[in-house]
Amino acid sequence: MGLRDYELPTETVKIDEKNSFVVRGVSFEDITKLVNKHGPVLVLVYGKFTEMKGKHDLRPETLGMLVQSVIGQFPDAVADMIAISAEEPDQTAKIRRLPVGIQFDAIEKIIRLTFTGEGDLKKLVEIVTRMAEGVKGSMESLTTPTGSGSGIGAFASR
């Protein structure tokens, strides 16, 4: 059996009695898209993750507290991750308006489908953080004024 025969695992997120959507785990390509769009936010999320891990270890309830915090503070990044995982990137506005419980359910399923163990999560968080810090550093270097040898670069009238 090769890749041709492999089916990506998915889970269904129920919205109500007649509506639902399917999510899959996120891939490296998905993570790259998220980092490019939400790099600084992901650095903040990693900071929260390491802080909570230090205080409470990496237990399911710790991860749940982190996800709840992220949904509340960074709804755009969460909606983009759900939309990417549902393979409906044009539905982020609708995802943002879903009740928080449904978003939480989707994120929980995405995490479960993405990571097989604590080591996978830790490794990915470290990679994403390095990528996000690189994006943040590049952004800062583009917005930091550079001095010239003859002053600050302001125009002078003669």
N, C-alpha and C. Protein backbone atom coordinates (compact mmCIF):
# COMPACT_ATOMS: atom_id res chain seq x y z
N MET A 1 0.84 -1.19 0.00
CA MET A 1 0.00 0.00 0.00
C MET A 1 0.88 1.24 0.00
N GLY A 2 0.56 2.19 -0.84
CA GLY A 2 1.30 3.43 -0.92
C GLY A 2 0.41 4.62 -0.62
N LEU A 3 0.94 5.79 -0.90
CA LEU A 3 0.17 7.02 -0.66
C LEU A 3 -1.14 7.06 -1.45
N ARG A 4 -1.12 6.46 -2.61
CA ARG A 4 -2.31 6.45 -3.46
C ARG A 4 -3.50 5.82 -2.73
N ASP A 5 -3.23 4.84 -1.89
CA ASP A 5 -4.30 4.13 -1.19
C ASP A 5 -4.65 4.75 0.17
N TYR A 6 -3.86 5.70 0.61
CA TYR A 6 -4.06 6.29 1.93
C TYR A 6 -5.15 7.35 1.89
N GLU A 7 -6.06 7.30 2.83
CA GLU A 7 -7.10 8.30 2.97
C GLU A 7 -6.79 9.12 4.21
N LEU A 8 -6.75 10.45 4.07
CA LEU A 8 -6.52 11.31 5.23
C LEU A 8 -7.66 11.13 6.23
N PRO A 9 -7.32 10.95 7.50
CA PRO A 9 -8.39 10.84 8.50
C PRO A 9 -9.11 12.18 8.66
N THR A 10 -10.40 12.11 8.87
CA THR A 10 -11.22 13.31 9.07
C THR A 10 -12.20 13.05 10.20
N GLU A 11 -12.77 14.13 10.71
CA GLU A 11 -13.84 14.03 11.70
C GLU A 11 -14.91 15.06 11.34
N THR A 12 -16.12 14.77 11.72
CA THR A 12 -17.25 15.65 11.44
C THR A 12 -17.54 16.54 12.63
N VAL A 13 -17.71 17.83 12.34
CA VAL A 13 -18.09 18.81 13.36
C VAL A 13 -19.56 19.14 13.12
N LYS A 14 -20.38 18.83 14.10
CA LYS A 14 -21.82 19.03 13.97
C LYS A 14 -22.17 20.47 14.37
N ILE A 15 -22.90 21.15 13.50
CA ILE A 15 -23.36 22.52 13.79
C ILE A 15 -24.74 22.47 14.43
N ASP A 16 -25.65 21.73 13.79
CA ASP A 16 -27.00 21.52 14.32
C ASP A 16 -27.52 20.20 13.76
N GLU A 17 -28.82 19.97 13.85
CA GLU A 17 -29.38 18.69 13.42
C GLU A 17 -29.16 18.38 11.94
N LYS A 18 -29.07 19.42 11.10
CA LYS A 18 -28.95 19.15 9.67
C LYS A 18 -27.69 19.71 9.03
N ASN A 19 -26.84 20.38 9.79
CA ASN A 19 -25.63 20.97 9.21
C ASN A 19 -24.38 20.50 9.96
N SER A 20 -23.35 20.23 9.18
CA SER A 20 -22.06 19.83 9.75
C SER A 20 -20.99 20.11 8.70
N PHE A 21 -19.74 20.00 9.12
CA PHE A 21 -18.63 20.10 8.18
C PHE A 21 -17.53 19.15 8.64
N VAL A 22 -16.65 18.82 7.72
CA VAL A 22 -15.60 17.85 7.98
C VAL A 22 -14.26 18.58 8.10
N VAL A 23 -13.46 18.18 9.09
CA VAL A 23 -12.12 18.74 9.25
C VAL A 23 -11.08 17.62 9.16
N ARG A 24 -9.86 18.02 8.84
CA ARG A 24 -8.72 17.11 8.79
C ARG A 24 -7.60 17.76 9.59
N GLY A 25 -6.55 17.01 9.82
CA GLY A 25 -5.39 17.58 10.48
C GLY A 25 -4.71 18.59 9.56
N VAL A 26 -3.97 19.51 10.16
CA VAL A 26 -3.28 20.51 9.35
C VAL A 26 -1.93 19.97 8.90
N SER A 27 -1.54 20.37 7.70
CA SER A 27 -0.28 19.95 7.11
C SER A 27 0.77 21.05 7.28
N PHE A 28 1.98 20.75 6.87
CA PHE A 28 3.03 21.75 6.93
C PHE A 28 2.70 22.94 6.03
N GLU A 29 2.11 22.67 4.87
CA GLU A 29 1.70 23.75 3.97
C GLU A 29 0.66 24.65 4.65
N ASP A 30 -0.28 24.04 5.36
CA ASP A 30 -1.30 24.81 6.08
C ASP A 30 -0.66 25.70 7.14
N ILE A 31 0.27 25.11 7.90
CA ILE A 31 0.96 25.85 8.96
C ILE A 31 1.72 27.03 8.35
N THR A 32 2.37 26.80 7.23
CA THR A 32 3.11 27.87 6.56
C THR A 32 2.19 29.02 6.18
N LYS A 33 1.01 28.71 5.66
CA LYS A 33 0.03 29.74 5.31
C LYS A 33 -0.39 30.53 6.55
N LEU A 34 -0.64 29.81 7.64
CA LEU A 34 -1.05 30.47 8.88
C LEU A 34 0.05 31.36 9.43
N VAL A 35 1.29 30.88 9.38
CA VAL A 35 2.42 31.68 9.88
C VAL A 35 2.60 32.93 9.03
N ASN A 36 2.50 32.78 7.72
CA ASN A 36 2.65 33.95 6.85
C ASN A 36 1.58 35.00 7.11
N LYS A 37 0.38 34.56 7.45
CA LYS A 37 -0.72 35.49 7.67
C LYS A 37 -0.81 35.98 9.12
N HIS A 38 -0.47 35.09 10.07
CA HIS A 38 -0.67 35.40 11.50
C HIS A 38 0.59 35.18 12.33
N GLY A 39 1.76 35.38 11.75
CA GLY A 39 3.02 35.12 12.44
C GLY A 39 3.13 35.70 13.84
N PRO A 40 2.96 37.01 14.01
CA PRO A 40 3.08 37.59 15.36
C PRO A 40 2.08 37.01 16.35
N VAL A 41 0.86 36.71 15.90
CA VAL A 41 -0.15 36.11 16.78
C VAL A 41 0.32 34.74 17.24
N LEU A 42 0.91 33.97 16.31
CA LEU A 42 1.37 32.63 16.68
C LEU A 42 2.52 32.68 17.67
N VAL A 43 3.35 33.72 17.60
CA VAL A 43 4.40 33.90 18.59
C VAL A 43 3.77 34.12 19.97
N LEU A 44 2.72 34.94 20.02
CA LEU A 44 2.02 35.17 21.29
C LEU A 44 1.37 33.88 21.82
N VAL A 45 0.79 33.10 20.91
CA VAL A 45 0.17 31.84 21.30
C VAL A 45 1.23 30.90 21.88
N TYR A 46 2.40 30.86 21.23
CA TYR A 46 3.47 30.01 21.74
C TYR A 46 3.90 30.48 23.14
N GLY A 47 3.96 31.78 23.34
CA GLY A 47 4.30 32.30 24.66
C GLY A 47 3.30 31.84 25.71
N LYS A 48 2.01 31.90 25.36
CA LYS A 48 0.97 31.42 26.27
C LYS A 48 1.13 29.92 26.52
N PHE A 49 1.42 29.19 25.45
CA PHE A 49 1.59 27.74 25.55
C PHE A 49 2.72 27.39 26.52
N THR A 50 3.87 28.03 26.36
CA THR A 50 5.00 27.71 27.23
C THR A 50 4.73 28.14 28.67
N GLU A 51 4.04 29.26 28.83
CA GLU A 51 3.69 29.73 30.18
C GLU A 51 2.76 28.73 30.87
N MET A 52 1.71 28.31 30.15
CA MET A 52 0.76 27.36 30.72
C MET A 52 1.40 26.00 30.95
N LYS A 53 2.27 25.59 30.03
CA LYS A 53 2.95 24.30 30.19
C LYS A 53 3.83 24.33 31.43
N GLY A 54 4.50 25.44 31.66
CA GLY A 54 5.34 25.57 32.84
C GLY A 54 4.55 25.52 34.13
N LYS A 55 3.38 26.13 34.13
CA LYS A 55 2.54 26.18 35.34
C LYS A 55 1.74 24.89 35.56
N HIS A 56 1.23 24.30 34.47
CA HIS A 56 0.26 23.22 34.60
C HIS A 56 0.65 21.93 33.88
N ASP A 57 1.84 21.87 33.29
CA ASP A 57 2.27 20.73 32.49
C ASP A 57 1.37 20.65 31.24
N LEU A 58 1.59 19.68 30.41
CA LEU A 58 0.83 19.58 29.15
C LEU A 58 -0.25 18.52 29.30
N ARG A 59 -1.26 18.83 30.07
CA ARG A 59 -2.39 17.93 30.28
C ARG A 59 -3.53 18.37 29.35
N PRO A 60 -4.49 17.50 29.10
CA PRO A 60 -5.60 17.87 28.22
C PRO A 60 -6.32 19.14 28.68
N GLU A 61 -6.50 19.30 29.98
CA GLU A 61 -7.19 20.50 30.45
C GLU A 61 -6.36 21.76 30.21
N THR A 62 -5.02 21.62 30.25
CA THR A 62 -4.14 22.76 29.95
C THR A 62 -4.31 23.16 28.50
N LEU A 63 -4.30 22.17 27.63
CA LEU A 63 -4.49 22.44 26.20
C LEU A 63 -5.86 23.06 25.96
N GLY A 64 -6.88 22.58 26.69
CA GLY A 64 -8.23 23.14 26.57
C GLY A 64 -8.27 24.60 26.99
N MET A 65 -7.59 24.93 28.09
CA MET A 65 -7.54 26.33 28.54
C MET A 65 -6.85 27.20 27.48
N LEU A 66 -5.79 26.68 26.88
CA LEU A 66 -5.07 27.43 25.86
C LEU A 66 -5.95 27.66 24.64
N VAL A 67 -6.62 26.61 24.18
CA VAL A 67 -7.50 26.74 23.01
C VAL A 67 -8.61 27.75 23.29
N GLN A 68 -9.20 27.67 24.47
CA GLN A 68 -10.27 28.62 24.83
C GLN A 68 -9.74 30.05 24.82
N SER A 69 -8.54 30.25 25.35
CA SER A 69 -7.93 31.57 25.37
C SER A 69 -7.65 32.07 23.95
N VAL A 70 -7.12 31.19 23.10
CA VAL A 70 -6.78 31.56 21.73
C VAL A 70 -8.05 31.91 20.94
N ILE A 71 -9.11 31.13 21.11
CA ILE A 71 -10.37 31.42 20.40
C ILE A 71 -10.87 32.81 20.77
N GLY A 72 -10.78 33.15 22.04
CA GLY A 72 -11.26 34.45 22.49
C GLY A 72 -10.39 35.62 22.06
N GLN A 73 -9.07 35.42 22.04
CA GLN A 73 -8.16 36.53 21.76
C GLN A 73 -7.76 36.66 20.30
N PHE A 74 -7.78 35.56 19.54
CA PHE A 74 -7.29 35.60 18.16
C PHE A 74 -8.29 34.92 17.22
N PRO A 75 -9.51 35.43 17.15
CA PRO A 75 -10.55 34.75 16.37
C PRO A 75 -10.24 34.63 14.88
N ASP A 76 -9.51 35.58 14.32
CA ASP A 76 -9.19 35.50 12.89
C ASP A 76 -8.26 34.32 12.60
N ALA A 77 -7.25 34.13 13.42
CA ALA A 77 -6.32 33.02 13.22
C ALA A 77 -7.03 31.68 13.41
N VAL A 78 -7.91 31.61 14.40
CA VAL A 78 -8.66 30.38 14.65
C VAL A 78 -9.58 30.08 13.47
N ALA A 79 -10.30 31.09 12.99
CA ALA A 79 -11.20 30.89 11.86
C ALA A 79 -10.44 30.45 10.62
N ASP A 80 -9.27 31.04 10.39
CA ASP A 80 -8.46 30.63 9.24
C ASP A 80 -8.01 29.18 9.37
N MET A 81 -7.62 28.77 10.58
CA MET A 81 -7.18 27.39 10.76
C MET A 81 -8.33 26.42 10.53
N ILE A 82 -9.51 26.75 11.04
CA ILE A 82 -10.66 25.87 10.82
C ILE A 82 -11.02 25.83 9.34
N ALA A 83 -11.02 26.97 8.68
CA ALA A 83 -11.36 27.03 7.25
C ALA A 83 -10.38 26.21 6.41
N ILE A 84 -9.09 26.32 6.73
CA ILE A 84 -8.08 25.55 6.00
C ILE A 84 -8.30 24.06 6.23
N SER A 85 -8.53 23.69 7.49
CA SER A 85 -8.71 22.28 7.82
C SER A 85 -10.00 21.71 7.21
N ALA A 86 -11.01 22.55 7.06
CA ALA A 86 -12.27 22.12 6.44
C ALA A 86 -12.20 22.20 4.92
N GLU A 87 -11.06 22.68 4.41
CA GLU A 87 -10.84 22.88 2.97
C GLU A 87 -11.91 23.78 2.36
N GLU A 88 -12.26 24.82 3.16
CA GLU A 88 -13.19 25.86 2.72
C GLU A 88 -12.63 27.22 3.11
N PRO A 89 -11.49 27.62 2.51
CA PRO A 89 -10.82 28.86 2.93
C PRO A 89 -11.65 30.13 2.71
N ASP A 90 -12.68 30.05 1.89
CA ASP A 90 -13.52 31.21 1.63
C ASP A 90 -14.64 31.37 2.67
N GLN A 91 -14.67 30.52 3.69
CA GLN A 91 -15.75 30.56 4.68
C GLN A 91 -15.32 31.08 6.05
N THR A 92 -14.21 31.79 6.11
CA THR A 92 -13.71 32.26 7.41
C THR A 92 -14.69 33.21 8.11
N ALA A 93 -15.37 34.05 7.35
CA ALA A 93 -16.33 34.98 7.97
C ALA A 93 -17.46 34.20 8.66
N LYS A 94 -17.95 33.16 8.01
CA LYS A 94 -19.01 32.35 8.60
C LYS A 94 -18.48 31.58 9.82
N ILE A 95 -17.27 31.08 9.73
CA ILE A 95 -16.67 30.33 10.85
C ILE A 95 -16.52 31.24 12.06
N ARG A 96 -16.13 32.50 11.86
CA ARG A 96 -15.99 33.44 12.98
C ARG A 96 -17.31 33.65 13.71
N ARG A 97 -18.43 33.49 13.00
CA ARG A 97 -19.74 33.71 13.60
C ARG A 97 -20.35 32.45 14.21
N LEU A 98 -19.68 31.31 14.05
CA LEU A 98 -20.19 30.08 14.68
C LEU A 98 -20.08 30.21 16.20
N PRO A 99 -20.97 29.57 16.93
CA PRO A 99 -20.85 29.60 18.39
C PRO A 99 -19.50 29.05 18.85
N VAL A 100 -19.01 29.59 19.95
CA VAL A 100 -17.68 29.23 20.43
C VAL A 100 -17.56 27.73 20.70
N GLY A 101 -18.63 27.09 21.14
CA GLY A 101 -18.58 25.65 21.39
C GLY A 101 -18.30 24.85 20.14
N ILE A 102 -18.87 25.27 19.03
CA ILE A 102 -18.64 24.57 17.76
C ILE A 102 -17.20 24.82 17.29
N GLN A 103 -16.72 26.06 17.44
CA GLN A 103 -15.33 26.35 17.09
C GLN A 103 -14.38 25.53 17.96
N PHE A 104 -14.69 25.44 19.24
CA PHE A 104 -13.86 24.68 20.17
C PHE A 104 -13.82 23.21 19.76
N ASP A 105 -14.99 22.66 19.41
CA ASP A 105 -15.08 21.27 18.96
C ASP A 105 -14.22 21.06 17.71
N ALA A 106 -14.30 22.00 16.77
CA ALA A 106 -13.52 21.88 15.53
C ALA A 106 -12.02 21.91 15.84
N ILE A 107 -11.58 22.84 16.67
CA ILE A 107 -10.16 22.95 17.01
C ILE A 107 -9.69 21.69 17.71
N GLU A 108 -10.48 21.19 18.64
CA GLU A 108 -10.12 19.97 19.37
C GLU A 108 -9.93 18.80 18.39
N LYS A 109 -10.81 18.68 17.43
CA LYS A 109 -10.71 17.60 16.44
C LYS A 109 -9.51 17.80 15.52
N ILE A 110 -9.26 19.03 15.13
CA ILE A 110 -8.10 19.33 14.28
C ILE A 110 -6.81 18.97 15.00
N ILE A 111 -6.72 19.34 16.27
CA ILE A 111 -5.52 19.02 17.06
C ILE A 111 -5.34 17.52 17.15
N ARG A 112 -6.42 16.80 17.45
CA ARG A 112 -6.35 15.34 17.57
C ARG A 112 -5.92 14.70 16.25
N LEU A 113 -6.42 15.22 15.12
CA LEU A 113 -6.07 14.67 13.81
C LEU A 113 -4.65 15.05 13.37
N THR A 114 -4.13 16.14 13.92
CA THR A 114 -2.82 16.64 13.52
C THR A 114 -1.69 15.99 14.31
N PHE A 115 -1.90 15.76 15.58
CA PHE A 115 -0.83 15.29 16.46
C PHE A 115 -1.13 13.92 17.01
N THR A 116 -0.11 13.05 16.96
CA THR A 116 -0.29 11.72 17.51
C THR A 116 0.17 11.64 18.96
N GLY A 117 0.95 12.63 19.39
CA GLY A 117 1.43 12.61 20.77
C GLY A 117 1.97 13.96 21.18
N GLU A 118 2.35 14.07 22.45
CA GLU A 118 2.86 15.33 22.99
C GLU A 118 4.13 15.77 22.26
N GLY A 119 4.97 14.82 21.87
CA GLY A 119 6.21 15.16 21.17
C GLY A 119 5.95 15.85 19.84
N ASP A 120 4.92 15.38 19.12
CA ASP A 120 4.56 16.02 17.85
C ASP A 120 4.15 17.46 18.06
N LEU A 121 3.32 17.71 19.06
CA LEU A 121 2.84 19.06 19.35
C LEU A 121 4.00 19.96 19.72
N LYS A 122 4.86 19.50 20.60
CA LYS A 122 6.00 20.31 21.04
C LYS A 122 6.90 20.64 19.85
N LYS A 123 7.18 19.66 19.02
CA LYS A 123 8.04 19.87 17.86
C LYS A 123 7.43 20.89 16.90
N LEU A 124 6.13 20.74 16.64
CA LEU A 124 5.47 21.68 15.73
C LEU A 124 5.44 23.08 16.30
N VAL A 125 5.14 23.21 17.58
CA VAL A 125 5.10 24.53 18.21
C VAL A 125 6.46 25.21 18.09
N GLU A 126 7.53 24.45 18.30
CA GLU A 126 8.87 25.02 18.18
C GLU A 126 9.16 25.47 16.74
N ILE A 127 8.78 24.66 15.77
CA ILE A 127 8.99 25.02 14.36
C ILE A 127 8.19 26.27 14.00
N VAL A 128 6.92 26.29 14.38
CA VAL A 128 6.06 27.43 14.07
C VAL A 128 6.61 28.70 14.72
N THR A 129 7.09 28.57 15.95
CA THR A 129 7.64 29.73 16.64
C THR A 129 8.86 30.27 15.92
N ARG A 130 9.74 29.40 15.51
CA ARG A 130 10.93 29.86 14.76
C ARG A 130 10.50 30.55 13.46
N MET A 131 9.53 29.95 12.77
CA MET A 131 9.04 30.57 11.53
C MET A 131 8.41 31.92 11.81
N ALA A 132 7.56 31.98 12.83
CA ALA A 132 6.86 33.23 13.16
C ALA A 132 7.84 34.30 13.60
N GLU A 133 8.83 33.93 14.40
CA GLU A 133 9.84 34.91 14.83
C GLU A 133 10.64 35.41 13.63
N GLY A 134 10.88 34.53 12.65
CA GLY A 134 11.56 34.96 11.43
C GLY A 134 10.72 35.97 10.65
N VAL A 135 9.42 35.71 10.56
CA VAL A 135 8.51 36.64 9.89
C VAL A 135 8.48 37.96 10.64
N LYS A 136 8.39 37.89 11.96
CA LYS A 136 8.34 39.10 12.78
C LYS A 136 9.63 39.89 12.62
N GLY A 137 10.78 39.20 12.63
CA GLY A 137 12.06 39.88 12.46
C GLY A 137 12.17 40.53 11.10
N SER A 138 11.68 39.85 10.06
CA SER A 138 11.70 40.43 8.71
C SER A 138 10.82 41.66 8.64
N MET A 139 9.66 41.60 9.28
CA MET A 139 8.74 42.74 9.27
C MET A 139 9.36 43.93 9.99
N GLU A 140 10.02 43.65 11.11
CA GLU A 140 10.65 44.74 11.86
C GLU A 140 11.79 45.37 11.07
N SER A 141 12.55 44.56 10.35
CA SER A 141 13.66 45.12 9.58
C SER A 141 13.15 45.97 8.42
N LEU A 142 11.95 45.65 7.91
CA LEU A 142 11.39 46.44 6.82
C LEU A 142 10.81 47.77 7.32
N THR A 143 10.38 47.81 8.58
CA THR A 143 9.75 49.03 9.08
C THR A 143 10.68 49.90 9.91
N THR A 144 11.87 49.40 10.23
CA THR A 144 12.81 50.18 11.02
C THR A 144 13.53 51.17 10.10
N PRO A 145 13.51 52.46 10.45
CA PRO A 145 14.20 53.44 9.60
C PRO A 145 15.71 53.20 9.64
N THR A 146 16.31 53.36 8.51
CA THR A 146 17.76 53.22 8.44
C THR A 146 18.37 54.59 8.25
N GLY A 147 19.42 54.83 8.95
CA GLY A 147 20.10 56.12 8.86
C GLY A 147 21.05 56.15 7.67
N SER A 148 21.26 57.31 7.15
CA SER A 148 22.24 57.47 6.08
C SER A 148 23.47 58.12 6.69
N GLY A 149 24.52 58.13 5.95
CA GLY A 149 25.76 58.73 6.45
C GLY A 149 25.65 60.23 6.62
N SER A 150 24.63 60.85 6.04
CA SER A 150 24.54 62.31 6.08
C SER A 150 23.30 62.78 6.84
N GLY A 151 22.86 62.05 7.82
CA GLY A 151 21.72 62.51 8.61
C GLY A 151 20.68 61.41 8.74
N ILE A 152 19.44 61.82 8.95
CA ILE A 152 18.38 60.84 9.17
C ILE A 152 17.57 60.55 7.92
N GLY A 153 17.93 61.13 6.81
CA GLY A 153 17.25 60.84 5.57
C GLY A 153 16.10 61.78 5.27
N ALA A 154 15.91 62.82 6.05
CA ALA A 154 14.81 63.77 5.81
C ALA A 154 15.21 64.70 4.66
N PHE A 155 14.21 65.19 3.98
CA PHE A 155 14.47 66.13 2.89
C PHE A 155 14.83 67.50 3.47
N ALA A 156 15.73 68.13 2.83
CA ALA A 156 16.10 69.49 3.26
C ALA A 156 15.80 70.43 2.11
N SER A 157 15.21 71.56 2.42
CA SER A 157 14.96 72.54 1.35
C SER A 157 16.13 73.49 1.29
N ARG A 158 16.46 73.91 0.11
CA ARG A 158 17.59 74.84 -0.07
C ARG A 158 17.10 76.16 -0.52
